[in-house]
Amino acid sequence: MLKKIVHPDIFHGENKKRNFFEGWYFKLVDKERKNAYALIPGIFLGERKDYSHSFIQILHGKESLYLYKKYNIEDFKWHRDKFVINIKDNIFSLSGIKVDIKDSAISLNGKVIFNNIIKWPDTIMNPGSMGFYNYIPFMQCYSQVSSLNMDLNGYLEVNGEVIDFNGGKGYVEKNWGKAFPYSWVWVQCNNFKNKTVSVTCSIGEVPFLLSKFRGFLIGLTLNNKFYKFTTMNRSKLNISKKGEDICIKVNNGTNTLIIDIESPKDKFILCNGPRDNKMIPLVKENLNSKVKIQLKCNIDNKILYYDEGVCGGVEYGGKIINILE
C-alpha cells in the first residue's frame, strides 16, 4: 500500500473488485504543432460485472475524431513495481508507447519513445502532485501528473497516414478512484516559444467527509524552475468566465500566474468518464486551444514570462459554475 502512495504513477487497482476506475492520459503533439493526439488507456470496475472492462480512448484534435475501444478485463496487465501497463497488444509506460488498434472508425499503430521527462517535484511526505492527499484513503478521485514535459521520438500511423512525432512534445497524467468530480476544469499546454515551459492545471469540486471544497493543482515549469500553486500551499485562486472559456488567476504569495484560455467551439470532443457506476459521455475536451500565460513576481511586479501556447488541452466537466469565484 505504501509503495502505491509514494509512487502514484503505478497501478492502484490490484485488489479492487468493483466501484473503481484508473486511467492514464498521454498527450502527443508533433514538432510542427499540426497534430495533437490523446491516448487514454484504463480500466473500469463497475458494481455489476457486465459493466467492467478495460479500454483505450483515442482523441485526434485536428479532425475531432474520437474512439472508445473496449477490451476485456483479462486484456489488462500491469507491473507491480513500475508504471508499465498492457492492454492486449498495446503497451503504455513512462518510457514510451507501442500501439496496434484496429477499428472501423480509427486504425492506429506505431511506437513513440519518451525522453527528457520532467517530473512534478515531490517528497515522501508529499508524494506526487497531490501531496499528502494521497495518504487519505476515502477521496472520490485522485490525480497524478506523471510527466509535465517530455521529448518525443517515433511515428504513429493513423488511418493510413504516418504522423511524425520526432521532435514533438508530450505530457502524461493519470486519475483513479470511484468517480470523476461533479465539476472540474483541466488545462495543459507545453507548446510555447520557450521549450522549457509547461503548464498544467486541475481544478475540481472535491467531496470531503460531510462537506466539499474547491481543490486545485497548478504547476508551471520555466527554465528548469518549478512554480507551484496548489490548495496545499494555500495559494489564492480566482476563476472568471470568458464566453465559452475561462480565465484563471492564482497567487502563491511570491508569484502570480494568469492562464487565459481560448478554445475553438467546433473542436470539442465528448469523451467517456466514470460516473454513477458507469463509463458515460461527460468529458468535454479540446486539443486545439490557445493558452496564454503570464507569470509575475509579486515583490517587484516584474513579468517573468508571457506567451501564448498552442495545441493546449482543455476539459470542462459538470457544473462549472460550482467552482467559479
Protein backbone atom coordinates (compact mmCIF):
# COMPACT_ATOMS: atom_id res chain seq x y z
CA MET A 1 0.00 0.00 0.00
CA LEU A 2 2.78 2.45 0.92
CA LYS A 3 4.54 1.77 -2.38
CA LYS A 4 1.47 2.92 -4.30
CA ILE A 5 1.19 6.08 -2.19
CA VAL A 6 4.79 7.19 -2.65
CA HIS A 7 4.84 6.04 -6.31
CA PRO A 8 1.45 7.27 -7.58
CA ASP A 9 2.30 6.59 -11.26
CA ILE A 10 1.87 2.83 -10.82
CA PHE A 11 -1.39 0.86 -10.92
CA HIS A 12 -3.55 1.19 -7.78
CA GLY A 13 -6.35 -1.25 -8.53
CA GLU A 14 -4.70 -4.62 -7.88
CA ASN A 15 -7.09 -5.61 -5.07
CA LYS A 16 -10.16 -3.74 -6.32
CA LYS A 17 -13.22 -5.70 -7.40
CA ARG A 18 -15.86 -3.01 -8.09
CA ASN A 19 -16.61 0.73 -7.97
CA PHE A 20 -13.14 1.68 -9.21
CA PHE A 21 -11.52 3.23 -12.25
CA GLU A 22 -7.97 4.08 -13.24
CA GLY A 23 -6.83 5.77 -16.42
CA TRP A 24 -3.63 7.29 -17.79
CA TYR A 25 -3.67 10.25 -20.17
CA PHE A 26 -0.96 10.52 -22.86
CA LYS A 27 -0.94 13.71 -24.93
CA LEU A 28 1.30 13.85 -28.00
CA VAL A 29 1.93 16.89 -30.22
CA ASP A 30 4.14 16.82 -33.31
CA LYS A 31 7.04 19.22 -33.92
CA GLU A 32 5.08 21.31 -36.43
CA ARG A 33 2.17 21.59 -33.96
CA LYS A 34 -0.27 20.41 -36.59
CA ASN A 35 -1.30 17.17 -34.90
CA ALA A 36 -2.40 16.74 -31.29
CA TYR A 37 -3.45 13.31 -30.06
CA ALA A 38 -4.51 11.95 -26.69
CA LEU A 39 -4.49 8.25 -25.81
CA ILE A 40 -6.19 7.16 -22.60
CA PRO A 41 -5.70 3.54 -21.53
CA GLY A 42 -7.51 2.40 -18.42
CA ILE A 43 -9.77 0.05 -16.52
CA PHE A 44 -13.28 0.36 -15.10
CA LEU A 45 -14.72 -1.96 -12.43
CA GLY A 46 -18.46 -1.48 -12.09
CA GLU A 47 -20.96 -2.52 -9.44
CA ARG A 48 -22.17 -5.09 -11.96
CA LYS A 49 -19.63 -7.42 -13.52
CA ASP A 50 -21.01 -6.88 -17.03
CA TYR A 51 -20.14 -3.15 -16.75
CA SER A 52 -16.48 -3.91 -16.01
CA HIS A 53 -13.94 -3.63 -18.81
CA SER A 54 -10.61 -2.17 -19.84
CA PHE A 55 -10.40 0.45 -22.55
CA ILE A 56 -8.33 2.73 -24.75
CA GLN A 57 -9.71 6.13 -25.73
CA ILE A 58 -8.24 7.92 -28.75
CA LEU A 59 -8.69 11.64 -29.44
CA HIS A 60 -7.48 13.34 -32.61
CA GLY A 61 -7.64 17.09 -32.06
CA LYS A 62 -7.37 18.39 -35.63
CA GLU A 63 -10.11 16.17 -37.02
CA SER A 64 -12.10 15.99 -33.77
CA LEU A 65 -12.14 12.21 -34.09
CA TYR A 66 -12.89 10.03 -31.08
CA LEU A 67 -12.82 6.31 -30.37
CA TYR A 68 -13.73 4.45 -27.20
CA LYS A 69 -12.28 0.97 -27.68
CA LYS A 70 -13.46 -1.59 -25.13
CA TYR A 71 -11.41 -4.63 -24.10
CA ASN A 72 -11.95 -7.47 -21.66
CA ILE A 73 -10.73 -7.17 -18.08
CA GLU A 74 -8.35 -10.05 -18.79
CA ASP A 75 -6.67 -7.98 -21.52
CA PHE A 76 -5.41 -5.51 -18.89
CA LYS A 77 -1.97 -6.36 -17.42
CA TRP A 78 0.26 -4.31 -15.13
CA HIS A 79 3.68 -4.27 -13.48
CA ARG A 80 3.71 -4.18 -9.67
CA ASP A 81 6.94 -2.23 -9.28
CA LYS A 82 6.83 0.33 -12.08
CA PHE A 83 4.47 2.10 -14.42
CA VAL A 84 4.01 -0.29 -17.31
CA ILE A 85 0.58 -1.46 -18.44
CA ASN A 86 -0.56 -3.63 -21.31
CA ILE A 87 -3.99 -3.75 -22.89
CA LYS A 88 -3.89 -6.67 -25.28
CA ASP A 89 -1.06 -5.84 -27.75
CA ASN A 90 -0.70 -2.22 -26.60
CA ILE A 91 2.00 -1.05 -24.18
CA PHE A 92 1.97 2.20 -22.17
CA SER A 93 4.75 3.41 -19.86
CA LEU A 94 6.89 6.42 -18.99
CA SER A 95 9.47 5.12 -21.46
CA GLY A 96 7.06 5.25 -24.38
CA ILE A 97 4.03 3.68 -26.02
CA LYS A 98 3.52 0.96 -28.60
CA VAL A 99 0.03 0.62 -30.07
CA ASP A 100 -1.80 -1.56 -32.56
CA ILE A 101 -5.52 -0.73 -32.61
CA LYS A 102 -7.87 -1.64 -35.41
CA ASP A 103 -11.43 -0.37 -35.53
CA SER A 104 -13.91 0.68 -38.18
CA ALA A 105 -13.60 4.32 -37.00
CA ILE A 106 -9.86 4.61 -36.33
CA SER A 107 -6.89 2.42 -37.17
CA LEU A 108 -3.79 3.28 -35.13
CA ASN A 109 -0.38 1.63 -34.87
CA GLY A 110 3.20 2.64 -34.17
CA LYS A 111 5.73 3.40 -31.48
CA VAL A 112 6.75 6.64 -29.74
CA ILE A 113 9.65 6.89 -27.27
CA PHE A 114 9.77 9.46 -24.43
CA ASN A 115 12.96 11.30 -23.44
CA ASN A 116 13.95 14.12 -21.06
CA ILE A 117 10.96 13.60 -18.78
CA ILE A 118 10.22 16.45 -16.36
CA LYS A 119 8.52 15.25 -13.16
CA TRP A 120 6.43 17.17 -10.65
CA PRO A 121 8.83 17.66 -7.68
CA ASP A 122 7.75 15.69 -4.62
CA THR A 123 8.84 14.13 -1.32
CA ILE A 124 7.82 11.09 0.74
CA MET A 125 5.70 13.38 2.93
CA ASN A 126 4.09 14.95 -0.15
CA PRO A 127 4.24 12.30 -2.88
CA GLY A 128 3.28 13.15 -6.44
CA SER A 129 1.29 16.18 -7.46
CA MET A 130 -1.50 15.56 -4.89
CA GLY A 131 0.95 15.53 -1.99
CA PHE A 132 -0.37 14.38 1.41
CA TYR A 133 -3.88 13.87 -0.02
CA ASN A 134 -2.51 10.58 -1.40
CA TYR A 135 -2.44 9.33 2.21
CA ILE A 136 -6.18 9.92 2.67
CA PRO A 137 -7.99 6.66 1.75
CA PHE A 138 -11.52 7.96 1.05
CA MET A 139 -11.04 10.58 -1.67
CA GLN A 140 -13.52 10.42 -4.57
CA CYS A 141 -10.81 10.93 -7.19
CA TYR A 142 -7.01 11.04 -7.10
CA SER A 143 -4.80 12.72 -9.68
CA GLN A 144 -1.13 12.46 -10.61
CA VAL A 145 0.94 14.46 -13.08
CA SER A 146 3.37 11.80 -14.29
CA SER A 147 5.28 13.95 -16.81
CA LEU A 148 4.97 17.72 -17.11
CA ASN A 149 7.04 17.82 -20.26
CA MET A 150 8.98 15.39 -22.44
CA ASP A 151 10.51 15.00 -25.90
CA LEU A 152 9.07 12.55 -28.41
CA ASN A 153 10.70 10.24 -30.94
CA GLY A 154 8.76 7.95 -33.24
CA TYR A 155 5.79 7.59 -35.54
CA LEU A 156 2.12 6.69 -35.43
CA GLU A 157 0.14 5.58 -38.46
CA VAL A 158 -3.43 6.84 -38.20
CA ASN A 159 -5.94 5.61 -40.78
CA GLY A 160 -3.09 5.04 -43.22
CA GLU A 161 -1.42 8.43 -42.63
CA VAL A 162 2.02 8.45 -40.97
CA ILE A 163 2.36 11.11 -38.26
CA ASP A 164 5.97 12.04 -37.45
CA PHE A 165 6.40 12.79 -33.74
CA ASN A 166 10.18 13.22 -33.83
CA GLY A 167 10.99 16.48 -32.04
CA GLY A 168 7.45 16.75 -30.67
CA LYS A 169 6.26 17.31 -27.11
CA GLY A 170 4.38 15.01 -24.73
CA TYR A 171 2.58 15.02 -21.40
CA VAL A 172 1.32 12.24 -19.10
CA GLU A 173 -1.08 12.24 -16.15
CA LYS A 174 -3.47 9.80 -14.51
CA ASN A 175 -6.64 9.63 -12.41
CA TRP A 176 -8.05 6.89 -10.24
CA GLY A 177 -10.73 6.36 -7.61
CA LYS A 178 -14.50 5.91 -7.56
CA ALA A 179 -15.66 8.61 -9.98
CA PHE A 180 -14.73 11.92 -11.61
CA PRO A 181 -15.57 15.11 -9.68
CA TYR A 182 -19.05 16.57 -10.22
CA SER A 183 -17.48 19.72 -11.64
CA TRP A 184 -13.95 20.36 -12.87
CA VAL A 185 -11.65 22.27 -15.22
CA TRP A 186 -8.40 20.96 -16.65
CA VAL A 187 -5.84 22.85 -18.73
CA GLN A 188 -2.48 21.69 -20.09
CA CYS A 189 -0.01 23.11 -22.59
CA ASN A 190 3.71 22.66 -23.28
CA ASN A 191 3.94 24.11 -26.78
CA PHE A 192 5.31 27.59 -26.18
CA LYS A 193 8.18 29.52 -27.81
CA ASN A 194 10.35 28.60 -24.82
CA LYS A 195 10.56 24.79 -24.97
CA THR A 196 11.17 24.52 -21.20
CA VAL A 197 7.71 25.93 -20.47
CA SER A 198 4.87 23.65 -19.48
CA VAL A 199 1.71 24.44 -17.57
CA THR A 200 -0.82 22.07 -16.05
CA CYS A 201 -3.95 22.99 -14.13
CA SER A 202 -6.63 20.83 -12.46
CA ILE A 203 -9.48 22.42 -10.51
CA GLY A 204 -12.35 20.40 -9.09
CA GLU A 205 -15.19 20.27 -6.59
CA VAL A 206 -13.93 17.76 -4.03
CA PRO A 207 -16.28 15.89 -1.65
CA PHE A 208 -14.61 15.59 1.76
CA LEU A 209 -16.26 13.96 4.79
CA LEU A 210 -19.68 15.67 5.09
CA SER A 211 -18.76 18.75 3.06
CA LYS A 212 -16.85 19.72 -0.07
CA PHE A 213 -14.13 22.14 -1.12
CA ARG A 214 -12.57 23.51 -4.29
CA GLY A 215 -9.24 21.77 -4.76
CA PHE A 216 -6.63 22.67 -7.34
CA LEU A 217 -3.21 21.63 -8.64
CA ILE A 218 -1.40 24.14 -10.86
CA GLY A 219 2.23 23.76 -11.90
CA LEU A 220 4.48 25.70 -14.26
CA THR A 221 7.98 24.88 -15.47
CA LEU A 222 10.18 27.70 -16.80
CA ASN A 223 13.93 27.50 -17.47
CA ASN A 224 14.37 24.47 -15.19
CA LYS A 225 12.48 26.11 -12.33
CA PHE A 226 9.15 24.84 -10.99
CA TYR A 227 6.37 27.16 -9.79
CA LYS A 228 3.65 25.52 -7.68
CA PHE A 229 0.18 26.89 -6.97
CA THR A 230 -1.99 24.42 -5.05
CA THR A 231 -4.60 24.03 -2.35
CA MET A 232 -1.87 22.54 -0.17
CA ASN A 233 0.44 25.57 -0.30
CA ARG A 234 -2.54 27.88 0.34
CA SER A 235 -2.44 29.68 -3.00
CA LYS A 236 -5.31 32.06 -3.73
CA LEU A 237 -7.39 31.18 -6.80
CA ASN A 238 -9.86 33.18 -8.85
CA ILE A 239 -11.71 31.91 -11.94
CA SER A 240 -13.73 34.16 -14.20
CA LYS A 241 -15.95 33.14 -17.11
CA LYS A 242 -14.90 34.42 -20.52
CA GLY A 243 -17.53 33.47 -23.11
CA GLU A 244 -17.33 29.69 -23.52
CA ASP A 245 -13.95 29.61 -21.78
CA ILE A 246 -12.42 30.85 -18.52
CA CYS A 247 -9.53 32.92 -17.19
CA ILE A 248 -7.62 31.66 -14.15
CA LYS A 249 -5.61 33.84 -11.75
CA VAL A 250 -3.66 32.23 -8.93
CA ASN A 251 -1.28 33.71 -6.35
CA ASN A 252 1.10 31.72 -4.10
CA GLY A 253 2.38 34.78 -2.23
CA THR A 254 5.64 35.05 -4.17
CA ASN A 255 4.28 34.90 -7.72
CA THR A 256 1.04 35.37 -9.63
CA LEU A 257 0.11 33.23 -12.64
CA ILE A 258 -2.64 34.10 -15.12
CA ILE A 259 -3.94 31.42 -17.50
CA ASP A 260 -6.21 32.70 -20.26
CA ILE A 261 -7.93 30.10 -22.45
CA GLU A 262 -9.31 30.40 -25.97
CA SER A 263 -10.89 27.25 -27.42
CA PRO A 264 -12.41 26.76 -30.89
CA LYS A 265 -16.02 25.74 -30.24
CA ASP A 266 -16.15 23.27 -33.14
CA LYS A 267 -13.19 21.25 -31.87
CA PHE A 268 -14.62 19.96 -28.59
CA ILE A 269 -14.88 16.18 -28.24
CA LEU A 270 -17.27 14.46 -25.81
CA CYS A 271 -15.36 11.65 -24.10
CA ASN A 272 -16.34 8.94 -21.64
CA GLY A 273 -15.66 9.17 -17.92
CA PRO A 274 -16.68 7.34 -14.71
CA ARG A 275 -19.94 8.48 -13.13
CA ASP A 276 -22.83 6.70 -11.33
CA ASN A 277 -21.21 3.28 -11.68
CA LYS A 278 -20.83 3.54 -15.47
CA MET A 279 -18.50 4.96 -18.09
CA ILE A 280 -20.63 7.61 -19.78
CA PRO A 281 -20.09 10.66 -22.07
CA LEU A 282 -19.34 13.52 -19.66
CA VAL A 283 -15.86 14.90 -20.51
CA LYS A 284 -15.90 17.89 -22.87
CA GLU A 285 -12.35 18.10 -24.24
CA ASN A 286 -10.47 20.27 -26.74
CA LEU A 287 -6.91 19.64 -28.00
CA ASN A 288 -6.71 22.79 -30.14
CA SER A 289 -6.93 25.52 -27.50
CA LYS A 290 -4.71 28.57 -27.21
CA VAL A 291 -3.35 29.05 -23.70
CA LYS A 292 -1.96 32.47 -22.78
CA ILE A 293 0.13 32.57 -19.62
CA GLN A 294 1.64 35.43 -17.64
CA LEU A 295 3.93 34.84 -14.66
CA LYS A 296 4.64 37.85 -12.45
CA CYS A 297 6.85 38.32 -9.40
CA ASN A 298 4.78 39.88 -6.60
CA ILE A 299 7.80 41.51 -4.94
CA ASP A 300 8.76 43.88 -7.77
CA ASN A 301 5.82 43.33 -10.19
CA LYS A 302 8.27 42.14 -12.86
CA ILE A 303 6.81 39.98 -15.64
CA LEU A 304 8.87 36.80 -15.61
CA TYR A 305 7.23 35.24 -18.67
CA TYR A 306 4.42 35.95 -21.10
CA ASP A 307 3.47 33.84 -24.10
CA GLU A 308 0.66 32.11 -25.96
CA GLY A 309 0.86 28.35 -26.29
CA VAL A 310 -0.90 26.27 -28.93
CA CYS A 311 -2.31 22.72 -29.06
CA GLY A 312 -3.44 23.20 -25.48
CA GLY A 313 -5.61 20.58 -23.84
CA VAL A 314 -8.75 21.86 -22.11
CA GLU A 315 -11.52 19.96 -20.31
CA TYR A 316 -14.77 21.23 -18.85
CA GLY A 317 -16.88 18.84 -16.81
CA GLY A 318 -20.11 19.09 -14.87
CA LYS A 319 -21.48 22.33 -13.46
CA ILE A 320 -18.56 24.71 -13.90
CA ILE A 321 -20.46 27.40 -12.02
CA ASN A 322 -19.78 25.41 -8.83
CA ILE A 323 -16.06 26.20 -8.99
CA LEU A 324 -16.20 29.76 -10.31
CA GLU A 325 -15.27 32.54 -7.94
